[in-house]
Amino acid sequence: MPGGVGGAAPRGVPLSRSSARRYCTREQILIRNHYDPNVDIVRRRDGLIELAGKKPRLRDDTRAYFAERNEGTVDFYP
């Protein structure tokens, strides 16, 4: 169908890109770890923000989340 409007996805296009990128688990990680930005993140002297380090499970879950994400290929052109 011209313009791409219709019920079928073109060949080769993932049907659920959001599930491949695991968007649904971000909220679950925050809820499971009782995330509170006022307590769980700190600003370093150089201005960068990082986890406060009081919740190792939050750190581990966050690392696993980013390690498992399927971002696909990123091509850089000079």
PDB file of N, CA and C in Angstrom:
ATOM      1  N   MET A   1       0.854  -1.171   0.000  1.00  0.00           N
ATOM      2  CA  MET A   1       0.000   0.000   0.000  1.00  0.00           C
ATOM      3  C   MET A   1       0.902   1.238   0.000  1.00  0.00           C
ATOM      4  N   PRO A   2       0.679   2.197  -0.858  1.00  0.00           N
ATOM      5  CA  PRO A   2       1.510   3.398  -0.914  1.00  0.00           C
ATOM      6  C   PRO A   2       1.467   4.173   0.404  1.00  0.00           C
ATOM      7  N   GLY A   3       2.613   4.707   0.800  1.00  0.00           N
ATOM      8  CA  GLY A   3       2.677   5.484   2.032  1.00  0.00           C
ATOM      9  C   GLY A   3       2.893   4.652   3.275  1.00  0.00           C
ATOM     10  N   GLY A   4       2.843   3.334   3.158  1.00  0.00           N
ATOM     11  CA  GLY A   4       3.120   2.468   4.295  1.00  0.00           C
ATOM     12  C   GLY A   4       1.997   2.341   5.294  1.00  0.00           C
ATOM     13  N   VAL A   5       0.790   2.759   4.956  1.00  0.00           N
ATOM     14  CA  VAL A   5      -0.333   2.632   5.880  1.00  0.00           C
ATOM     15  C   VAL A   5      -1.028   1.314   5.600  1.00  0.00           C
ATOM     16  N   GLY A   6      -1.229   0.544   6.596  1.00  0.00           N
ATOM     17  CA  GLY A   6      -1.870  -0.754   6.438  1.00  0.00           C
ATOM     18  C   GLY A   6      -1.598  -1.610   7.655  1.00  0.00           C
ATOM     19  N   GLY A   7      -1.997  -2.849   7.603  1.00  0.00           N
ATOM     20  CA  GLY A   7      -1.851  -3.708   8.764  1.00  0.00           C
ATOM     21  C   GLY A   7      -0.593  -4.542   8.794  1.00  0.00           C
ATOM     22  N   ALA A   8       0.148  -4.621   7.705  1.00  0.00           N
ATOM     23  CA  ALA A   8       1.315  -5.501   7.661  1.00  0.00           C
ATOM     24  C   ALA A   8       2.607  -4.695   7.672  1.00  0.00           C
ATOM     25  N   ALA A   9       3.599  -5.236   8.354  1.00  0.00           N
ATOM     26  CA  ALA A   9       4.914  -4.602   8.371  1.00  0.00           C
ATOM     27  C   ALA A   9       5.690  -5.041   7.136  1.00  0.00           C
ATOM     28  N   PRO A  10       6.476  -4.170   6.561  1.00  0.00           N
ATOM     29  CA  PRO A  10       7.300  -4.558   5.415  1.00  0.00           C
ATOM     30  C   PRO A  10       8.282  -5.655   5.822  1.00  0.00           C
ATOM     31  N   ARG A  11       8.728  -6.436   4.851  1.00  0.00           N
ATOM     32  CA  ARG A  11       9.681  -7.507   5.135  1.00  0.00           C
ATOM     33  C   ARG A  11      10.957  -6.941   5.738  1.00  0.00           C
ATOM     34  N   GLY A  12      11.490  -7.684   6.700  1.00  0.00           N
ATOM     35  CA  GLY A  12      12.752  -7.291   7.304  1.00  0.00           C
ATOM     36  C   GLY A  12      12.630  -6.270   8.421  1.00  0.00           C
ATOM     37  N   VAL A  13      11.430  -5.780   8.669  1.00  0.00           N
ATOM     38  CA  VAL A  13      11.232  -4.799   9.740  1.00  0.00           C
ATOM     39  C   VAL A  13      10.762  -5.536  10.987  1.00  0.00           C
ATOM     40  N   PRO A  14      11.449  -5.362  12.099  1.00  0.00           N
ATOM     41  CA  PRO A  14      11.016  -6.054  13.319  1.00  0.00           C
ATOM     42  C   PRO A  14       9.625  -5.605  13.739  1.00  0.00           C
ATOM     43  N   LEU A  15       8.816  -6.549  14.171  1.00  0.00           N
ATOM     44  CA  LEU A  15       7.454  -6.222  14.574  1.00  0.00           C
ATOM     45  C   LEU A  15       7.419  -5.516  15.923  1.00  0.00           C
ATOM     46  N   SER A  16       8.348  -5.847  16.793  1.00  0.00           N
ATOM     47  CA  SER A  16       8.326  -5.254  18.116  1.00  0.00           C
ATOM     48  C   SER A  16       9.711  -4.760  18.486  1.00  0.00           C
ATOM     49  N   ARG A  17      10.079  -3.632  17.960  1.00  0.00           N
ATOM     50  CA  ARG A  17      11.400  -3.082  18.244  1.00  0.00           C
ATOM     51  C   ARG A  17      11.521  -2.697  19.719  1.00  0.00           C
ATOM     52  N   SER A  18      10.422  -2.245  20.327  1.00  0.00           N
ATOM     53  CA  SER A  18      10.491  -1.848  21.730  1.00  0.00           C
ATOM     54  C   SER A  18      10.781  -3.036  22.632  1.00  0.00           C
ATOM     55  N   SER A  19      10.248  -4.215  22.314  1.00  0.00           N
ATOM     56  CA  SER A  19      10.544  -5.369  23.155  1.00  0.00           C
ATOM     57  C   SER A  19      11.974  -5.833  22.942  1.00  0.00           C
ATOM     58  N   ALA A  20      12.511  -5.673  21.720  1.00  0.00           N
ATOM     59  CA  ALA A  20      13.906  -6.027  21.480  1.00  0.00           C
ATOM     60  C   ALA A  20      14.822  -5.103  22.251  1.00  0.00           C
ATOM     61  N   ARG A  21      14.404  -3.877  22.460  1.00  0.00           N
ATOM     62  CA  ARG A  21      15.215  -2.917  23.208  1.00  0.00           C
ATOM     63  C   ARG A  21      14.895  -2.940  24.693  1.00  0.00           C
ATOM     64  N   ARG A  22      13.952  -3.753  25.103  1.00  0.00           N
ATOM     65  CA  ARG A  22      13.614  -3.974  26.506  1.00  0.00           C
ATOM     66  C   ARG A  22      13.135  -2.716  27.219  1.00  0.00           C
ATOM     67  N   TYR A  23      12.365  -1.867  26.542  1.00  0.00           N
ATOM     68  CA  TYR A  23      11.862  -0.652  27.179  1.00  0.00           C
ATOM     69  C   TYR A  23      10.989  -0.959  28.386  1.00  0.00           C
ATOM     70  N   CYS A  24      10.279  -2.043  28.354  1.00  0.00           N
ATOM     71  CA  CYS A  24       9.343  -2.344  29.436  1.00  0.00           C
ATOM     72  C   CYS A  24      10.055  -2.659  30.744  1.00  0.00           C
ATOM     73  N   THR A  25      11.309  -3.040  30.724  1.00  0.00           N
ATOM     74  CA  THR A  25      11.967  -3.432  31.958  1.00  0.00           C
ATOM     75  C   THR A  25      12.544  -2.253  32.741  1.00  0.00           C
ATOM     76  N   ARG A  26      12.695  -1.106  32.126  1.00  0.00           N
ATOM     77  CA  ARG A  26      13.237   0.048  32.856  1.00  0.00           C
ATOM     78  C   ARG A  26      12.391   0.377  34.071  1.00  0.00           C
ATOM     79  N   GLU A  27      11.101   0.479  33.856  1.00  0.00           N
ATOM     80  CA  GLU A  27      10.198   0.814  34.961  1.00  0.00           C
ATOM     81  C   GLU A  27      10.212  -0.281  36.022  1.00  0.00           C
ATOM     82  N   GLN A  28      10.268  -1.526  35.592  1.00  0.00           N
ATOM     83  CA  GLN A  28      10.302  -2.637  36.545  1.00  0.00           C
ATOM     84  C   GLN A  28      11.546  -2.578  37.418  1.00  0.00           C
ATOM     85  N   ILE A  29      12.689  -2.235  36.840  1.00  0.00           N
ATOM     86  CA  ILE A  29      13.928  -2.108  37.614  1.00  0.00           C
ATOM     87  C   ILE A  29      13.783  -1.021  38.668  1.00  0.00           C
ATOM     88  N   LEU A  30      13.228   0.115  38.274  1.00  0.00           N
ATOM     89  CA  LEU A  30      13.071   1.226  39.209  1.00  0.00           C
ATOM     90  C   LEU A  30      12.117   0.881  40.347  1.00  0.00           C
ATOM     91  N   ILE A  31      11.019   0.218  40.015  1.00  0.00           N
ATOM     92  CA  ILE A  31      10.035  -0.159  41.030  1.00  0.00           C
ATOM     93  C   ILE A  31      10.608  -1.210  41.970  1.00  0.00           C
ATOM     94  N   ARG A  32      11.223  -2.237  41.404  1.00  0.00           N
ATOM     95  CA  ARG A  32      11.761  -3.335  42.211  1.00  0.00           C
ATOM     96  C   ARG A  32      12.822  -2.840  43.200  1.00  0.00           C
ATOM     97  N   ASN A  33      13.573  -1.829  42.792  1.00  0.00           N
ATOM     98  CA  ASN A  33      14.646  -1.321  43.639  1.00  0.00           C
ATOM     99  C   ASN A  33      14.241  -0.089  44.451  1.00  0.00           C
ATOM    100  N   HIS A  34      12.963   0.256  44.430  1.00  0.00           N
ATOM    101  CA  HIS A  34      12.455   1.416  45.180  1.00  0.00           C
ATOM    102  C   HIS A  34      13.295   2.664  44.884  1.00  0.00           C
ATOM    103  N   TYR A  35      13.487   2.915  43.599  1.00  0.00           N
ATOM    104  CA  TYR A  35      14.326   4.027  43.152  1.00  0.00           C
ATOM    105  C   TYR A  35      13.768   5.372  43.601  1.00  0.00           C
ATOM    106  N   ASP A  36      14.632   6.170  44.195  1.00  0.00           N
ATOM    107  CA  ASP A  36      14.300   7.529  44.605  1.00  0.00           C
ATOM    108  C   ASP A  36      15.452   8.420  44.148  1.00  0.00           C
ATOM    109  N   PRO A  37      15.233   9.272  43.153  1.00  0.00           N
ATOM    110  CA  PRO A  37      16.336  10.082  42.625  1.00  0.00           C
ATOM    111  C   PRO A  37      16.955  11.003  43.668  1.00  0.00           C
ATOM    112  N   ASN A  38      16.209  11.356  44.700  1.00  0.00           N
ATOM    113  CA  ASN A  38      16.747  12.218  45.756  1.00  0.00           C
ATOM    114  C   ASN A  38      17.747  11.487  46.647  1.00  0.00           C
ATOM    115  N   VAL A  39      17.690  10.152  46.634  1.00  0.00           N
ATOM    116  CA  VAL A  39      18.557   9.352  47.487  1.00  0.00           C
ATOM    117  C   VAL A  39      19.559   8.538  46.668  1.00  0.00           C
ATOM    118  N   ASP A  40      19.126   8.055  45.503  1.00  0.00           N
ATOM    119  CA  ASP A  40      19.892   7.057  44.764  1.00  0.00           C
ATOM    120  C   ASP A  40      20.891   7.612  43.752  1.00  0.00           C
ATOM    121  N   ILE A  41      20.869   8.900  43.484  1.00  0.00           N
ATOM    122  CA  ILE A  41      21.873   9.477  42.597  1.00  0.00           C
ATOM    123  C   ILE A  41      22.548  10.659  43.281  1.00  0.00           C
ATOM    124  N   VAL A  42      23.789  10.867  42.931  1.00  0.00           N
ATOM    125  CA  VAL A  42      24.563  11.986  43.480  1.00  0.00           C
ATOM    126  C   VAL A  42      25.298  12.671  42.335  1.00  0.00           C
ATOM    127  N   ARG A  43      25.607  13.939  42.546  1.00  0.00           N
ATOM    128  CA  ARG A  43      26.387  14.697  41.565  1.00  0.00           C
ATOM    129  C   ARG A  43      27.829  14.745  42.056  1.00  0.00           C
ATOM    130  N   ARG A  44      28.729  14.297  41.183  1.00  0.00           N
ATOM    131  CA  ARG A  44      30.148  14.313  41.526  1.00  0.00           C
ATOM    132  C   ARG A  44      30.695  15.734  41.455  1.00  0.00           C
ATOM    133  N   ARG A  45      31.918  15.910  41.932  1.00  0.00           N
ATOM    134  CA  ARG A  45      32.562  17.224  41.914  1.00  0.00           C
ATOM    135  C   ARG A  45      32.726  17.762  40.496  1.00  0.00           C
ATOM    136  N   ASP A  46      32.901  16.831  39.529  1.00  0.00           N
ATOM    137  CA  ASP A  46      33.067  17.268  38.136  1.00  0.00           C
ATOM    138  C   ASP A  46      31.735  17.494  37.429  1.00  0.00           C
ATOM    139  N   GLY A  47      30.629  17.347  38.154  1.00  0.00           N
ATOM    140  CA  GLY A  47      29.312  17.636  37.605  1.00  0.00           C
ATOM    141  C   GLY A  47      28.559  16.438  37.056  1.00  0.00           C
ATOM    142  N   LEU A  48      29.239  15.295  36.910  1.00  0.00           N
ATOM    143  CA  LEU A  48      28.559  14.102  36.409  1.00  0.00           C
ATOM    144  C   LEU A  48      27.662  13.505  37.476  1.00  0.00           C
ATOM    145  N   ILE A  49      26.590  12.865  37.026  1.00  0.00           N
ATOM    146  CA  ILE A  49      25.644  12.224  37.933  1.00  0.00           C
ATOM    147  C   ILE A  49      25.938  10.733  37.930  1.00  0.00           C
ATOM    148  N   GLU A  50      25.911  10.111  39.111  1.00  0.00           N
ATOM    149  CA  GLU A  50      26.130   8.672  39.209  1.00  0.00           C
ATOM    150  C   GLU A  50      25.271   8.101  40.332  1.00  0.00           C
ATOM    151  N   LEU A  51      25.151   6.766  40.347  1.00  0.00           N
ATOM    152  CA  LEU A  51      24.421   6.114  41.422  1.00  0.00           C
ATOM    153  C   LEU A  51      25.153   6.335  42.737  1.00  0.00           C
ATOM    154  N   ALA A  52      24.402   6.497  43.805  1.00  0.00           N
ATOM    155  CA  ALA A  52      24.987   6.772  45.112  1.00  0.00           C
ATOM    156  C   ALA A  52      25.744   5.567  45.671  1.00  0.00           C
ATOM    157  N   GLY A  53      25.420   4.357  45.198  1.00  0.00           N
ATOM    158  CA  GLY A  53      26.136   3.166  45.643  1.00  0.00           C
ATOM    159  C   GLY A  53      25.523   2.473  46.837  1.00  0.00           C
ATOM    160  N   LYS A  54      24.341   2.903  47.249  1.00  0.00           N
ATOM    161  CA  LYS A  54      23.691   2.314  48.422  1.00  0.00           C
ATOM    162  C   LYS A  54      22.833   1.104  48.072  1.00  0.00           C
ATOM    163  N   LYS A  55      22.612   0.882  46.770  1.00  0.00           N
ATOM    164  CA  LYS A  55      21.760  -0.222  46.327  1.00  0.00           C
ATOM    165  C   LYS A  55      22.483  -1.021  45.246  1.00  0.00           C
ATOM    166  N   PRO A  56      23.251  -2.034  45.649  1.00  0.00           N
ATOM    167  CA  PRO A  56      23.993  -2.825  44.668  1.00  0.00           C
ATOM    168  C   PRO A  56      23.091  -3.514  43.641  1.00  0.00           C
ATOM    169  N   ARG A  57      21.888  -3.904  44.064  1.00  0.00           N
ATOM    170  CA  ARG A  57      20.986  -4.562  43.117  1.00  0.00           C
ATOM    171  C   ARG A  57      20.536  -3.592  42.024  1.00  0.00           C
ATOM    172  N   LEU A  58      20.289  -2.340  42.382  1.00  0.00           N
ATOM    173  CA  LEU A  58      19.936  -1.323  41.389  1.00  0.00           C
ATOM    174  C   LEU A  58      21.075  -1.174  40.382  1.00  0.00           C
ATOM    175  N   ARG A  59      22.303  -1.103  40.874  1.00  0.00           N
ATOM    176  CA  ARG A  59      23.472  -1.010  39.998  1.00  0.00           C
ATOM    177  C   ARG A  59      23.563  -2.228  39.074  1.00  0.00           C
ATOM    178  N   ASP A  60      23.426  -3.419  39.642  1.00  0.00           N
ATOM    179  CA  ASP A  60      23.554  -4.646  38.852  1.00  0.00           C
ATOM    180  C   ASP A  60      22.434  -4.780  37.830  1.00  0.00           C
ATOM    181  N   ASP A  61      21.194  -4.463  38.242  1.00  0.00           N
ATOM    182  CA  ASP A  61      20.059  -4.523  37.314  1.00  0.00           C
ATOM    183  C   ASP A  61      20.235  -3.526  36.171  1.00  0.00           C
ATOM    184  N   THR A  62      20.737  -2.332  36.488  1.00  0.00           N
ATOM    185  CA  THR A  62      20.944  -1.304  35.465  1.00  0.00           C
ATOM    186  C   THR A  62      22.026  -1.731  34.487  1.00  0.00           C
ATOM    187  N   ARG A  63      23.105  -2.274  34.992  1.00  0.00           N
ATOM    188  CA  ARG A  63      24.175  -2.774  34.113  1.00  0.00           C
ATOM    189  C   ARG A  63      23.669  -3.881  33.202  1.00  0.00           C
ATOM    190  N   ALA A  64      22.914  -4.824  33.763  1.00  0.00           N
ATOM    191  CA  ALA A  64      22.376  -5.927  32.975  1.00  0.00           C
ATOM    192  C   ALA A  64      21.411  -5.406  31.909  1.00  0.00           C
ATOM    193  N   TYR A  65      20.607  -4.433  32.261  1.00  0.00           N
ATOM    194  CA  TYR A  65      19.650  -3.843  31.317  1.00  0.00           C
ATOM    195  C   TYR A  65      20.376  -3.300  30.090  1.00  0.00           C
ATOM    196  N   PHE A  66      21.410  -2.499  30.311  1.00  0.00           N
ATOM    197  CA  PHE A  66      22.125  -1.905  29.184  1.00  0.00           C
ATOM    198  C   PHE A  66      22.938  -2.942  28.417  1.00  0.00           C
ATOM    199  N   ALA A  67      23.455  -3.956  29.097  1.00  0.00           N
ATOM    200  CA  ALA A  67      24.221  -5.004  28.422  1.00  0.00           C
ATOM    201  C   ALA A  67      23.337  -5.834  27.496  1.00  0.00           C
ATOM    202  N   GLU A  68      22.058  -5.989  27.841  1.00  0.00           N
ATOM    203  CA  GLU A  68      21.143  -6.829  27.079  1.00  0.00           C
ATOM    204  C   GLU A  68      20.383  -6.090  25.979  1.00  0.00           C
ATOM    205  N   ARG A  69      20.488  -4.781  25.934  1.00  0.00           N
ATOM    206  CA  ARG A  69      19.741  -4.015  24.930  1.00  0.00           C
ATOM    207  C   ARG A  69      20.217  -4.341  23.526  1.00  0.00           C
ATOM    208  N   ASN A  70      19.284  -4.368  22.611  1.00  0.00           N
ATOM    209  CA  ASN A  70      19.582  -4.658  21.218  1.00  0.00           C
ATOM    210  C   ASN A  70      19.458  -3.362  20.431  1.00  0.00           C
ATOM    211  N   GLU A  71      20.538  -2.626  20.365  1.00  0.00           N
ATOM    212  CA  GLU A  71      20.525  -1.335  19.688  1.00  0.00           C
ATOM    213  C   GLU A  71      20.725  -1.455  18.188  1.00  0.00           C
ATOM    214  N   GLY A  72      21.191  -2.591  17.733  1.00  0.00           N
ATOM    215  CA  GLY A  72      21.498  -2.722  16.314  1.00  0.00           C
ATOM    216  C   GLY A  72      22.853  -2.108  16.025  1.00  0.00           C
ATOM    217  N   THR A  73      23.133  -1.923  14.777  1.00  0.00           N
ATOM    218  CA  THR A  73      24.428  -1.400  14.359  1.00  0.00           C
ATOM    219  C   THR A  73      24.381   0.121  14.288  1.00  0.00           C
ATOM    220  N   VAL A  74      25.436   0.727  14.766  1.00  0.00           N
ATOM    221  CA  VAL A  74      25.568   2.179  14.669  1.00  0.00           C
ATOM    222  C   VAL A  74      26.741   2.445  13.735  1.00  0.00           C
ATOM    223  N   ASP A  75      26.455   3.083  12.629  1.00  0.00           N
ATOM    224  CA  ASP A  75      27.503   3.409  11.657  1.00  0.00           C
ATOM    225  C   ASP A  75      27.876   4.871  11.779  1.00  0.00           C
ATOM    226  N   PHE A  76      29.151   5.123  11.841  1.00  0.00           N
ATOM    227  CA  PHE A  76      29.634   6.495  11.898  1.00  0.00           C
ATOM    228  C   PHE A  76      30.292   6.841  10.574  1.00  0.00           C
ATOM    229  N   TYR A  77      29.941   7.983  10.059  1.00  0.00           N
ATOM    230  CA  TYR A  77      30.511   8.434   8.787  1.00  0.00           C
ATOM    231  C   TYR A  77      31.359   9.660   9.041  1.00  0.00           C
ATOM    232  N   PRO A  78      32.582   9.683   8.512  1.00  0.00           N
ATOM    233  CA  PRO A  78      33.453  10.855   8.717  1.00  0.00           C
ATOM    234  C   PRO A  78      32.924  12.102   8.051  1.00  0.00           C
TER     235      PRO A  78
END
